[in-house]
């Protein structure tokens, strides 16, 4: 799972499907959790995604969250960054 591409295409004045803002929030949260929790247990990842989505007012879809958590837990952990 790679980070999402730039969202510059969303600024054009085209028609958008209902719920596009919700999907942006889901994508953002999943990317953040992928950076911080990859390689951890699915339960920990699911809870983190749910908690962060609720901050943005999004009620998580259980099946979708399970799929994201499964994919993120299968990723290798990142080495600690030395700044």
C-alpha atoms as a PDB file:
ATOM      1  CA  UNK A   1       0.000   0.000   0.000  1.00  0.00           C
ATOM      2  CA  UNK A   2       1.545   3.266  -1.107  1.00  0.00           C
ATOM      3  CA  UNK A   3       0.746   6.822  -0.138  1.00  0.00           C
ATOM      4  CA  UNK A   4      -2.021   8.440  -2.125  1.00  0.00           C
ATOM      5  CA  UNK A   5      -1.200  10.699  -5.026  1.00  0.00           C
ATOM      6  CA  UNK A   6      -1.616  14.448  -4.773  1.00  0.00           C
ATOM      7  CA  UNK A   7      -5.168  15.651  -4.516  1.00  0.00           C
ATOM      8  CA  UNK A   8      -4.726  18.531  -6.961  1.00  0.00           C
ATOM      9  CA  UNK A   9      -7.267  17.022  -9.346  1.00  0.00           C
ATOM     10  CA  UNK A  10     -10.023  17.681  -6.837  1.00  0.00           C
ATOM     11  CA  UNK A  11      -9.707  21.438  -7.125  1.00  0.00           C
ATOM     12  CA  UNK A  12     -11.036  21.506 -10.667  1.00  0.00           C
ATOM     13  CA  UNK A  13     -14.640  22.613 -10.948  1.00  0.00           C
ATOM     14  CA  UNK A  14     -16.063  19.260 -12.046  1.00  0.00           C
ATOM     15  CA  UNK A  15     -18.966  17.367 -10.549  1.00  0.00           C
ATOM     16  CA  UNK A  16     -18.141  15.315  -7.507  1.00  0.00           C
ATOM     17  CA  UNK A  17     -19.904  12.256  -6.246  1.00  0.00           C
ATOM     18  CA  UNK A  18     -21.663  12.409  -2.884  1.00  0.00           C
ATOM     19  CA  UNK A  19     -19.328  11.506  -0.063  1.00  0.00           C
ATOM     20  CA  UNK A  20     -16.097  12.615  -1.723  1.00  0.00           C
ATOM     21  CA  UNK A  21     -15.056  14.539   1.394  1.00  0.00           C
ATOM     22  CA  UNK A  22     -15.598  11.461   3.534  1.00  0.00           C
ATOM     23  CA  UNK A  23     -13.374   9.405   1.245  1.00  0.00           C
ATOM     24  CA  UNK A  24     -10.660  12.071   1.435  1.00  0.00           C
ATOM     25  CA  UNK A  25     -10.763  11.868   5.217  1.00  0.00           C
ATOM     26  CA  UNK A  26     -10.613   8.073   5.147  1.00  0.00           C
ATOM     27  CA  UNK A  27      -7.660   8.151   2.748  1.00  0.00           C
ATOM     28  CA  UNK A  28      -5.823  10.678   4.906  1.00  0.00           C
ATOM     29  CA  UNK A  29      -6.345   8.696   8.121  1.00  0.00           C
ATOM     30  CA  UNK A  30      -5.351   5.385   6.524  1.00  0.00           C
ATOM     31  CA  UNK A  31      -2.141   6.941   5.191  1.00  0.00           C
ATOM     32  CA  UNK A  32      -1.287   8.373   8.607  1.00  0.00           C
ATOM     33  CA  UNK A  33      -1.945   5.046  10.339  1.00  0.00           C
ATOM     34  CA  UNK A  34       0.036   3.227   7.655  1.00  0.00           C
ATOM     35  CA  UNK A  35       3.064   5.382   8.472  1.00  0.00           C
ATOM     36  CA  UNK A  36       2.795   4.974  12.233  1.00  0.00           C
ATOM     37  CA  UNK A  37       1.353   1.471  12.814  1.00  0.00           C
ATOM     38  CA  UNK A  38       2.529  -0.754   9.967  1.00  0.00           C
ATOM     39  CA  UNK A  39       3.455  -4.267  11.041  1.00  0.00           C
ATOM     40  CA  UNK A  40       1.413  -4.077  14.240  1.00  0.00           C
ATOM     41  CA  UNK A  41      -1.580  -6.264  15.075  1.00  0.00           C
ATOM     42  CA  UNK A  42      -4.798  -5.828  13.129  1.00  0.00           C
ATOM     43  CA  UNK A  43      -6.765  -5.059  16.297  1.00  0.00           C
ATOM     44  CA  UNK A  44      -4.482  -2.174  17.228  1.00  0.00           C
ATOM     45  CA  UNK A  45      -4.628  -0.799  13.700  1.00  0.00           C
ATOM     46  CA  UNK A  46      -8.426  -1.110  13.476  1.00  0.00           C
ATOM     47  CA  UNK A  47      -8.859   0.768  16.735  1.00  0.00           C
ATOM     48  CA  UNK A  48      -6.467   3.520  15.670  1.00  0.00           C
ATOM     49  CA  UNK A  49      -8.255   3.997  12.341  1.00  0.00           C
ATOM     50  CA  UNK A  50     -11.649   4.103  14.069  1.00  0.00           C
ATOM     51  CA  UNK A  51     -10.432   6.600  16.668  1.00  0.00           C
ATOM     52  CA  UNK A  52      -8.885   8.924  14.094  1.00  0.00           C
ATOM     53  CA  UNK A  53     -11.886   8.754  11.749  1.00  0.00           C
ATOM     54  CA  UNK A  54     -14.221   9.730  14.562  1.00  0.00           C
ATOM     55  CA  UNK A  55     -12.109  12.847  15.156  1.00  0.00           C
ATOM     56  CA  UNK A  56     -13.003  13.850  11.584  1.00  0.00           C
ATOM     57  CA  UNK A  57     -16.679  12.979  12.045  1.00  0.00           C
ATOM     58  CA  UNK A  58     -16.558   9.850   9.905  1.00  0.00           C
ATOM     59  CA  UNK A  59     -18.399   6.723  10.981  1.00  0.00           C
ATOM     60  CA  UNK A  60     -16.125   3.908   9.845  1.00  0.00           C
ATOM     61  CA  UNK A  61     -17.304   1.070   7.612  1.00  0.00           C
ATOM     62  CA  UNK A  62     -16.400  -2.108   9.500  1.00  0.00           C
ATOM     63  CA  UNK A  63     -15.549  -4.197   6.428  1.00  0.00           C
ATOM     64  CA  UNK A  64     -13.441  -1.437   4.878  1.00  0.00           C
ATOM     65  CA  UNK A  65     -11.544  -0.880   8.148  1.00  0.00           C
ATOM     66  CA  UNK A  66     -10.830  -4.602   8.427  1.00  0.00           C
ATOM     67  CA  UNK A  67      -9.378  -4.649   4.911  1.00  0.00           C
ATOM     68  CA  UNK A  68      -7.160  -1.636   5.611  1.00  0.00           C
ATOM     69  CA  UNK A  69      -6.003  -3.109   8.934  1.00  0.00           C
ATOM     70  CA  UNK A  70      -5.156  -6.448   7.312  1.00  0.00           C
ATOM     71  CA  UNK A  71      -3.085  -4.758   4.607  1.00  0.00           C
ATOM     72  CA  UNK A  72      -1.284  -2.418   7.021  1.00  0.00           C
ATOM     73  CA  UNK A  73      -0.452  -5.204   9.487  1.00  0.00           C
ATOM     74  CA  UNK A  74       1.174  -7.197   6.666  1.00  0.00           C
ATOM     75  CA  UNK A  75       3.617  -4.362   5.905  1.00  0.00           C
ATOM     76  CA  UNK A  76       7.099  -4.445   7.436  1.00  0.00           C
ATOM     77  CA  UNK A  77       7.748  -1.957  10.208  1.00  0.00           C
ATOM     78  CA  UNK A  78       9.712   1.114   9.270  1.00  0.00           C
ATOM     79  CA  UNK A  79      13.098   1.626  10.918  1.00  0.00           C
ATOM     80  CA  UNK A  80      13.169   4.491  13.421  1.00  0.00           C
ATOM     81  CA  UNK A  81      14.051   7.807  11.836  1.00  0.00           C
ATOM     82  CA  UNK A  82      17.054   9.641  13.218  1.00  0.00           C
ATOM     83  CA  UNK A  83      16.552  13.377  12.999  1.00  0.00           C
END
